[in-house]
Amino acid sequence: MGCRVCVKVWIHFIAGDNAGHNNLVGHMNGGKPKYIFRDCMCLNHEMSSPVSQCCLITLANIQAAKLRDDGLTDLCKKDIINAFEGVPLADQRHGLLGCVPSEMLHVSGTGILKYMFACLINLIGSPHQKKKTKKVLTNYINAWS
């Protein structure tokens, strides 16, 4: 239109932990929720599947759920009003759910790393147990051959 403009990209990235993000988006934290994670409709028994069939919750899903009795409860969400109501977000499809990433401690199992190393030492032995370590490794390799 003949005018110079300056375009600035607005990116929302909200850092926090799982409990804080769940509160922010109104995800039910306690009890035995149908959907464990805040942004997808994966059932508990599907969470460990190596081939994910995950269906992410969209703003349209939430709007449709608000029109049904217990619709939000079925999505494991609470009807809340927070500071992000009416704020234009970068993720137009998923809204605030797309702006609250998972923190690595829980998602990657980083919290259990120390236990994983303890299990490895139990499986293959410590440096002081050379013969036992060699035998365990040989048995392990033979079992997978």
N, C-alpha and C. Protein backbone atom coordinates (compact mmCIF):
# COMPACT_ATOMS: atom_id res chain seq x y z
N MET A 1 0.83 -1.19 0.00
CA MET A 1 0.00 0.00 0.00
C MET A 1 0.87 1.25 0.00
N GLY A 2 2.13 1.09 -0.36
CA GLY A 2 2.99 2.25 -0.45
C GLY A 2 3.64 2.68 0.85
N CYS A 3 3.43 1.96 1.93
CA CYS A 3 4.01 2.33 3.23
C CYS A 3 5.06 1.32 3.64
N ARG A 4 6.09 1.82 4.31
CA ARG A 4 7.08 0.92 4.88
C ARG A 4 6.57 0.46 6.24
N VAL A 5 6.72 -0.81 6.50
CA VAL A 5 6.29 -1.35 7.79
C VAL A 5 7.42 -2.17 8.40
N CYS A 6 7.39 -2.31 9.66
CA CYS A 6 8.34 -3.15 10.39
C CYS A 6 7.54 -4.31 10.99
N VAL A 7 7.85 -5.52 10.54
CA VAL A 7 7.15 -6.69 11.04
C VAL A 7 8.00 -7.34 12.12
N LYS A 8 7.38 -7.60 13.27
CA LYS A 8 8.08 -8.27 14.37
C LYS A 8 7.34 -9.56 14.67
N VAL A 9 8.10 -10.64 14.70
CA VAL A 9 7.51 -11.94 15.00
C VAL A 9 7.36 -12.07 16.51
N TRP A 10 6.17 -12.50 16.93
CA TRP A 10 5.88 -12.67 18.34
C TRP A 10 5.88 -14.16 18.61
N ILE A 11 6.83 -14.61 19.40
CA ILE A 11 6.92 -16.03 19.73
C ILE A 11 6.66 -16.21 21.23
N HIS A 12 5.68 -17.03 21.53
CA HIS A 12 5.42 -17.37 22.93
C HIS A 12 6.07 -18.71 23.24
N PHE A 13 6.90 -18.71 24.24
CA PHE A 13 7.50 -19.94 24.74
C PHE A 13 7.45 -19.81 26.25
N ILE A 14 6.68 -20.65 26.87
CA ILE A 14 6.46 -20.51 28.30
C ILE A 14 7.23 -21.62 29.01
N ALA A 15 8.24 -21.23 29.76
CA ALA A 15 9.06 -22.20 30.47
C ALA A 15 8.46 -22.49 31.84
N GLY A 16 8.54 -23.74 32.23
CA GLY A 16 8.03 -24.13 33.54
C GLY A 16 8.06 -25.64 33.67
N ASP A 17 7.47 -26.14 34.74
CA ASP A 17 7.42 -27.58 34.92
C ASP A 17 6.05 -28.11 34.53
N ASN A 18 5.90 -29.42 34.54
CA ASN A 18 4.64 -30.04 34.10
C ASN A 18 3.45 -29.57 34.92
N ALA A 19 3.59 -29.52 36.23
CA ALA A 19 2.46 -29.11 37.07
C ALA A 19 2.04 -27.67 36.76
N GLY A 20 3.03 -26.79 36.59
CA GLY A 20 2.72 -25.40 36.26
C GLY A 20 2.04 -25.26 34.91
N HIS A 21 2.53 -25.97 33.92
CA HIS A 21 1.91 -25.93 32.59
C HIS A 21 0.50 -26.51 32.63
N ASN A 22 0.33 -27.61 33.37
CA ASN A 22 -1.01 -28.21 33.49
C ASN A 22 -1.99 -27.21 34.09
N ASN A 23 -1.56 -26.50 35.13
CA ASN A 23 -2.43 -25.49 35.75
C ASN A 23 -2.75 -24.37 34.77
N LEU A 24 -1.76 -23.95 34.00
CA LEU A 24 -1.92 -22.86 33.06
C LEU A 24 -2.95 -23.16 31.97
N VAL A 25 -2.97 -24.41 31.50
CA VAL A 25 -3.91 -24.78 30.43
C VAL A 25 -5.17 -25.45 30.96
N GLY A 26 -5.27 -25.61 32.28
CA GLY A 26 -6.47 -26.20 32.87
C GLY A 26 -6.54 -27.71 32.75
N HIS A 27 -5.39 -28.37 32.67
CA HIS A 27 -5.38 -29.83 32.60
C HIS A 27 -5.52 -30.40 34.01
N MET A 28 -6.31 -31.44 34.14
CA MET A 28 -6.52 -32.06 35.45
C MET A 28 -5.28 -32.84 35.85
N ASN A 29 -4.68 -32.43 36.96
CA ASN A 29 -3.44 -33.04 37.43
C ASN A 29 -3.66 -34.32 38.24
N GLY A 30 -4.68 -34.34 39.05
CA GLY A 30 -4.84 -35.43 40.01
C GLY A 30 -5.81 -36.50 39.58
N GLY A 31 -5.97 -37.48 40.46
CA GLY A 31 -6.89 -38.58 40.19
C GLY A 31 -6.33 -39.51 39.13
N LYS A 32 -7.21 -40.12 38.41
CA LYS A 32 -6.81 -40.99 37.30
C LYS A 32 -7.40 -40.43 36.01
N PRO A 33 -6.72 -39.44 35.44
CA PRO A 33 -7.28 -38.81 34.23
C PRO A 33 -7.29 -39.78 33.04
N LYS A 34 -8.25 -39.59 32.17
CA LYS A 34 -8.34 -40.39 30.94
C LYS A 34 -7.11 -40.15 30.07
N TYR A 35 -6.76 -38.87 29.92
CA TYR A 35 -5.58 -38.50 29.14
C TYR A 35 -4.54 -37.95 30.09
N ILE A 36 -3.40 -38.60 30.14
CA ILE A 36 -2.38 -38.25 31.11
C ILE A 36 -1.66 -36.96 30.74
N PHE A 37 -1.34 -36.81 29.46
CA PHE A 37 -0.58 -35.63 29.07
C PHE A 37 -1.50 -34.53 28.57
N ARG A 38 -1.14 -33.29 28.82
CA ARG A 38 -2.03 -32.15 28.62
C ARG A 38 -2.40 -31.85 27.18
N ASP A 39 -1.55 -32.20 26.21
CA ASP A 39 -1.83 -31.74 24.85
C ASP A 39 -2.21 -32.84 23.87
N CYS A 40 -2.39 -34.08 24.35
CA CYS A 40 -2.77 -35.13 23.41
C CYS A 40 -3.87 -36.03 23.98
N MET A 41 -4.49 -36.77 23.08
CA MET A 41 -5.57 -37.66 23.46
C MET A 41 -5.09 -39.12 23.42
N CYS A 42 -3.92 -39.36 24.00
CA CYS A 42 -3.40 -40.72 24.12
C CYS A 42 -3.84 -41.31 25.44
N LEU A 43 -4.34 -42.53 25.40
CA LEU A 43 -4.72 -43.22 26.63
C LEU A 43 -3.46 -43.76 27.30
N ASN A 44 -3.58 -44.05 28.59
CA ASN A 44 -2.42 -44.49 29.37
C ASN A 44 -1.70 -45.67 28.74
N HIS A 45 -2.44 -46.69 28.30
CA HIS A 45 -1.80 -47.88 27.74
C HIS A 45 -1.15 -47.63 26.38
N GLU A 46 -1.45 -46.50 25.75
CA GLU A 46 -0.87 -46.16 24.45
C GLU A 46 0.44 -45.37 24.58
N MET A 47 0.73 -44.88 25.77
CA MET A 47 1.86 -43.97 25.95
C MET A 47 3.22 -44.63 25.70
N SER A 48 3.33 -45.95 25.88
CA SER A 48 4.62 -46.59 25.69
C SER A 48 4.77 -47.21 24.30
N SER A 49 3.83 -46.96 23.42
CA SER A 49 3.90 -47.52 22.08
C SER A 49 5.04 -46.87 21.30
N PRO A 50 5.88 -47.70 20.65
CA PRO A 50 6.98 -47.12 19.87
C PRO A 50 6.50 -46.39 18.62
N VAL A 51 5.30 -46.73 18.14
CA VAL A 51 4.73 -46.04 16.99
C VAL A 51 3.54 -45.23 17.50
N SER A 52 3.75 -43.95 17.63
CA SER A 52 2.74 -43.08 18.22
C SER A 52 1.56 -42.87 17.28
N GLN A 53 0.38 -42.99 17.83
CA GLN A 53 -0.86 -42.68 17.10
C GLN A 53 -1.51 -41.46 17.75
N CYS A 54 -0.70 -40.59 18.27
CA CYS A 54 -1.15 -39.46 19.07
C CYS A 54 -1.99 -38.47 18.26
N CYS A 55 -3.05 -38.01 18.90
CA CYS A 55 -3.92 -36.99 18.30
C CYS A 55 -3.87 -35.78 19.23
N LEU A 56 -3.25 -34.69 18.76
CA LEU A 56 -3.09 -33.51 19.60
C LEU A 56 -4.42 -32.77 19.74
N ILE A 57 -4.64 -32.22 20.91
CA ILE A 57 -5.87 -31.46 21.20
C ILE A 57 -5.76 -30.09 20.56
N THR A 58 -6.77 -29.72 19.82
CA THR A 58 -6.79 -28.43 19.14
C THR A 58 -7.76 -27.48 19.83
N LEU A 59 -7.69 -26.21 19.45
CA LEU A 59 -8.64 -25.23 19.97
C LEU A 59 -10.07 -25.61 19.58
N ALA A 60 -10.23 -26.19 18.39
CA ALA A 60 -11.56 -26.63 17.94
C ALA A 60 -12.08 -27.74 18.85
N ASN A 61 -11.22 -28.66 19.28
CA ASN A 61 -11.63 -29.71 20.21
C ASN A 61 -12.13 -29.12 21.52
N ILE A 62 -11.42 -28.14 22.01
CA ILE A 62 -11.79 -27.52 23.29
C ILE A 62 -13.10 -26.75 23.15
N GLN A 63 -13.25 -26.01 22.04
CA GLN A 63 -14.51 -25.27 21.83
C GLN A 63 -15.69 -26.23 21.71
N ALA A 64 -15.52 -27.34 21.00
CA ALA A 64 -16.59 -28.33 20.86
C ALA A 64 -16.90 -28.98 22.21
N ALA A 65 -15.87 -29.22 23.01
CA ALA A 65 -16.07 -29.83 24.32
C ALA A 65 -16.85 -28.91 25.25
N LYS A 66 -16.64 -27.60 25.13
CA LYS A 66 -17.36 -26.64 25.97
C LYS A 66 -18.87 -26.64 25.69
N LEU A 67 -19.26 -27.10 24.51
CA LEU A 67 -20.67 -27.12 24.14
C LEU A 67 -21.41 -28.36 24.67
N ARG A 68 -20.65 -29.37 25.14
CA ARG A 68 -21.26 -30.61 25.64
C ARG A 68 -21.18 -30.66 27.16
N ASP A 69 -22.18 -31.28 27.78
CA ASP A 69 -22.10 -31.54 29.22
C ASP A 69 -20.93 -32.47 29.46
N ASP A 70 -20.09 -32.15 30.40
CA ASP A 70 -18.90 -32.94 30.75
C ASP A 70 -17.92 -33.09 29.58
N GLY A 71 -18.02 -32.24 28.58
CA GLY A 71 -17.11 -32.31 27.44
C GLY A 71 -15.68 -31.99 27.82
N LEU A 72 -15.51 -30.94 28.62
CA LEU A 72 -14.16 -30.58 29.07
C LEU A 72 -13.60 -31.64 30.01
N THR A 73 -14.46 -32.17 30.87
CA THR A 73 -14.01 -33.23 31.78
C THR A 73 -13.56 -34.44 30.98
N ASP A 74 -14.24 -34.74 29.90
CA ASP A 74 -13.85 -35.87 29.05
C ASP A 74 -12.47 -35.64 28.43
N LEU A 75 -12.12 -34.38 28.18
CA LEU A 75 -10.78 -34.04 27.66
C LEU A 75 -9.76 -33.83 28.79
N CYS A 76 -10.23 -34.04 30.03
CA CYS A 76 -9.38 -33.83 31.22
C CYS A 76 -8.97 -32.37 31.36
N LYS A 77 -9.88 -31.48 31.03
CA LYS A 77 -9.62 -30.05 31.14
C LYS A 77 -10.65 -29.40 32.06
N LYS A 78 -10.25 -28.27 32.66
CA LYS A 78 -11.14 -27.46 33.48
C LYS A 78 -11.44 -26.18 32.71
N ASP A 79 -12.61 -25.65 32.93
CA ASP A 79 -12.98 -24.39 32.28
C ASP A 79 -12.38 -23.25 33.10
N ILE A 80 -11.25 -22.74 32.64
CA ILE A 80 -10.56 -21.68 33.37
C ILE A 80 -10.44 -20.44 32.51
N ILE A 81 -10.20 -19.33 33.17
CA ILE A 81 -9.87 -18.09 32.49
C ILE A 81 -8.50 -17.68 33.02
N ASN A 82 -7.57 -17.42 32.11
CA ASN A 82 -6.24 -16.99 32.55
C ASN A 82 -5.80 -15.78 31.75
N ALA A 83 -4.60 -15.34 31.98
CA ALA A 83 -4.09 -14.13 31.35
C ALA A 83 -3.93 -14.26 29.85
N PHE A 84 -4.03 -15.47 29.30
CA PHE A 84 -3.84 -15.67 27.87
C PHE A 84 -5.15 -15.67 27.08
N GLU A 85 -6.27 -15.43 27.74
CA GLU A 85 -7.55 -15.34 27.03
C GLU A 85 -7.51 -14.15 26.07
N GLY A 86 -7.73 -14.40 24.80
CA GLY A 86 -7.77 -13.34 23.81
C GLY A 86 -6.40 -12.86 23.33
N VAL A 87 -5.33 -13.43 23.85
CA VAL A 87 -3.99 -13.04 23.42
C VAL A 87 -3.66 -13.81 22.14
N PRO A 88 -3.20 -13.11 21.09
CA PRO A 88 -2.83 -13.85 19.87
C PRO A 88 -1.57 -14.66 20.11
N LEU A 89 -1.69 -15.97 19.90
CA LEU A 89 -0.56 -16.86 20.14
C LEU A 89 0.00 -17.35 18.82
N ALA A 90 1.25 -17.78 18.85
CA ALA A 90 1.92 -18.24 17.64
C ALA A 90 1.28 -19.51 17.08
N ASP A 91 0.77 -20.37 17.95
CA ASP A 91 0.16 -21.62 17.50
C ASP A 91 -1.35 -21.42 17.39
N GLN A 92 -1.80 -21.12 16.20
CA GLN A 92 -3.22 -20.84 15.97
C GLN A 92 -4.09 -22.09 16.03
N ARG A 93 -3.49 -23.26 15.85
CA ARG A 93 -4.27 -24.50 15.84
C ARG A 93 -4.44 -25.08 17.24
N HIS A 94 -3.36 -25.04 18.04
CA HIS A 94 -3.40 -25.66 19.36
C HIS A 94 -3.47 -24.65 20.49
N GLY A 95 -3.31 -23.38 20.18
CA GLY A 95 -3.41 -22.34 21.19
C GLY A 95 -2.33 -22.46 22.25
N LEU A 96 -2.72 -22.22 23.48
CA LEU A 96 -1.78 -22.25 24.59
C LEU A 96 -1.16 -23.63 24.77
N LEU A 97 -1.89 -24.69 24.42
CA LEU A 97 -1.34 -26.05 24.53
C LEU A 97 -0.08 -26.21 23.66
N GLY A 98 0.00 -25.49 22.57
CA GLY A 98 1.17 -25.57 21.70
C GLY A 98 2.32 -24.69 22.15
N CYS A 99 2.09 -23.90 23.20
CA CYS A 99 3.11 -22.96 23.68
C CYS A 99 3.70 -23.37 25.02
N VAL A 100 3.29 -24.50 25.54
CA VAL A 100 3.83 -24.96 26.83
C VAL A 100 4.53 -26.31 26.60
N PRO A 101 5.79 -26.25 26.20
CA PRO A 101 6.51 -27.48 25.88
C PRO A 101 6.79 -28.33 27.12
N SER A 102 7.03 -29.58 26.88
CA SER A 102 7.37 -30.48 27.97
C SER A 102 8.79 -30.20 28.43
N GLU A 103 9.00 -30.33 29.72
CA GLU A 103 10.37 -30.14 30.21
C GLU A 103 11.07 -31.49 30.21
N MET A 104 12.34 -31.47 29.93
CA MET A 104 13.10 -32.68 29.63
C MET A 104 13.24 -33.64 30.81
N LEU A 105 13.17 -33.17 32.04
CA LEU A 105 13.34 -34.06 33.18
C LEU A 105 12.34 -35.20 33.14
N HIS A 106 11.07 -34.87 32.85
CA HIS A 106 10.04 -35.90 32.87
C HIS A 106 9.87 -36.58 31.52
N VAL A 107 9.99 -35.85 30.44
CA VAL A 107 9.72 -36.42 29.13
C VAL A 107 10.77 -37.44 28.72
N SER A 108 12.04 -37.11 28.91
CA SER A 108 13.09 -38.03 28.47
C SER A 108 13.49 -39.02 29.56
N GLY A 109 12.88 -38.93 30.71
CA GLY A 109 13.23 -39.84 31.79
C GLY A 109 14.56 -39.49 32.43
N THR A 110 14.97 -38.23 32.29
CA THR A 110 16.25 -37.81 32.84
C THR A 110 16.31 -38.07 34.35
N GLY A 111 15.20 -37.98 35.01
CA GLY A 111 15.16 -38.21 36.45
C GLY A 111 15.50 -39.62 36.85
N ILE A 112 15.39 -40.57 35.94
CA ILE A 112 15.70 -41.96 36.28
C ILE A 112 17.08 -42.39 35.81
N LEU A 113 17.86 -41.48 35.25
CA LEU A 113 19.19 -41.84 34.75
C LEU A 113 20.07 -42.46 35.82
N LYS A 114 20.02 -41.92 37.04
CA LYS A 114 20.88 -42.47 38.08
C LYS A 114 20.50 -43.92 38.39
N TYR A 115 19.21 -44.24 38.28
CA TYR A 115 18.78 -45.62 38.50
C TYR A 115 19.18 -46.51 37.33
N MET A 116 19.17 -45.94 36.12
CA MET A 116 19.59 -46.71 34.95
C MET A 116 21.06 -47.11 35.07
N PHE A 117 21.90 -46.19 35.53
CA PHE A 117 23.32 -46.50 35.69
C PHE A 117 23.52 -47.55 36.78
N ALA A 118 22.74 -47.47 37.85
CA ALA A 118 22.85 -48.47 38.91
C ALA A 118 22.47 -49.85 38.37
N CYS A 119 21.46 -49.91 37.53
CA CYS A 119 21.05 -51.19 36.93
C CYS A 119 22.13 -51.71 35.99
N LEU A 120 22.75 -50.82 35.23
CA LEU A 120 23.83 -51.25 34.34
C LEU A 120 24.99 -51.84 35.12
N ILE A 121 25.33 -51.20 36.22
CA ILE A 121 26.43 -51.72 37.04
C ILE A 121 26.05 -53.10 37.58
N ASN A 122 24.78 -53.26 37.98
CA ASN A 122 24.34 -54.58 38.45
C ASN A 122 24.40 -55.62 37.34
N LEU A 123 24.10 -55.21 36.11
CA LEU A 123 24.11 -56.15 34.99
C LEU A 123 25.52 -56.53 34.55
N ILE A 124 26.37 -55.54 34.40
CA ILE A 124 27.70 -55.83 33.85
C ILE A 124 28.80 -55.82 34.89
N GLY A 125 28.49 -55.40 36.10
CA GLY A 125 29.48 -55.42 37.17
C GLY A 125 30.33 -54.17 37.21
N SER A 126 31.07 -54.05 38.29
CA SER A 126 31.95 -52.90 38.47
C SER A 126 33.36 -53.27 37.98
N PRO A 127 34.28 -52.31 37.91
CA PRO A 127 35.65 -52.60 37.47
C PRO A 127 36.35 -53.63 38.35
N HIS A 128 35.87 -53.82 39.58
CA HIS A 128 36.48 -54.77 40.51
C HIS A 128 36.02 -56.20 40.26
N GLN A 129 35.08 -56.36 39.34
CA GLN A 129 34.52 -57.68 39.07
C GLN A 129 34.74 -58.06 37.61
N LYS A 130 35.97 -58.06 37.15
CA LYS A 130 36.29 -58.26 35.72
C LYS A 130 35.75 -59.58 35.19
N LYS A 131 35.97 -60.70 35.91
CA LYS A 131 35.53 -62.01 35.42
C LYS A 131 34.01 -62.06 35.32
N LYS A 132 33.34 -61.58 36.35
CA LYS A 132 31.88 -61.58 36.36
C LYS A 132 31.35 -60.70 35.22
N THR A 133 31.96 -59.55 35.03
CA THR A 133 31.55 -58.63 33.98
C THR A 133 31.67 -59.29 32.61
N LYS A 134 32.79 -59.95 32.35
CA LYS A 134 33.01 -60.60 31.06
C LYS A 134 31.97 -61.70 30.84
N LYS A 135 31.67 -62.49 31.88
CA LYS A 135 30.70 -63.57 31.77
C LYS A 135 29.30 -63.02 31.49
N VAL A 136 28.90 -61.97 32.21
CA VAL A 136 27.58 -61.36 32.01
C VAL A 136 27.45 -60.80 30.60
N LEU A 137 28.50 -60.09 30.14
CA LEU A 137 28.46 -59.52 28.79
C LEU A 137 28.40 -60.62 27.72
N THR A 138 29.16 -61.70 27.92
CA THR A 138 29.14 -62.81 26.97
C THR A 138 27.75 -63.45 26.91
N ASN A 139 27.17 -63.68 28.07
CA ASN A 139 25.81 -64.25 28.12
C ASN A 139 24.80 -63.33 27.45
N TYR A 140 24.95 -62.05 27.70
CA TYR A 140 24.04 -61.06 27.12
C TYR A 140 24.15 -61.05 25.60
N ILE A 141 25.38 -61.04 25.10
CA ILE A 141 25.61 -61.02 23.65
C ILE A 141 25.10 -62.31 23.02
N ASN A 142 25.35 -63.45 23.66
CA ASN A 142 24.87 -64.74 23.12
C ASN A 142 23.35 -64.81 23.09
N ALA A 143 22.72 -64.22 24.10
CA ALA A 143 21.25 -64.23 24.15
C ALA A 143 20.65 -63.45 22.99
N TRP A 144 21.32 -62.41 22.53
CA TRP A 144 20.80 -61.56 21.46
C TRP A 144 21.32 -61.94 20.08
N SER A 145 22.17 -62.98 20.02
CA SER A 145 22.74 -63.39 18.73
C SER A 145 21.77 -64.27 17.97
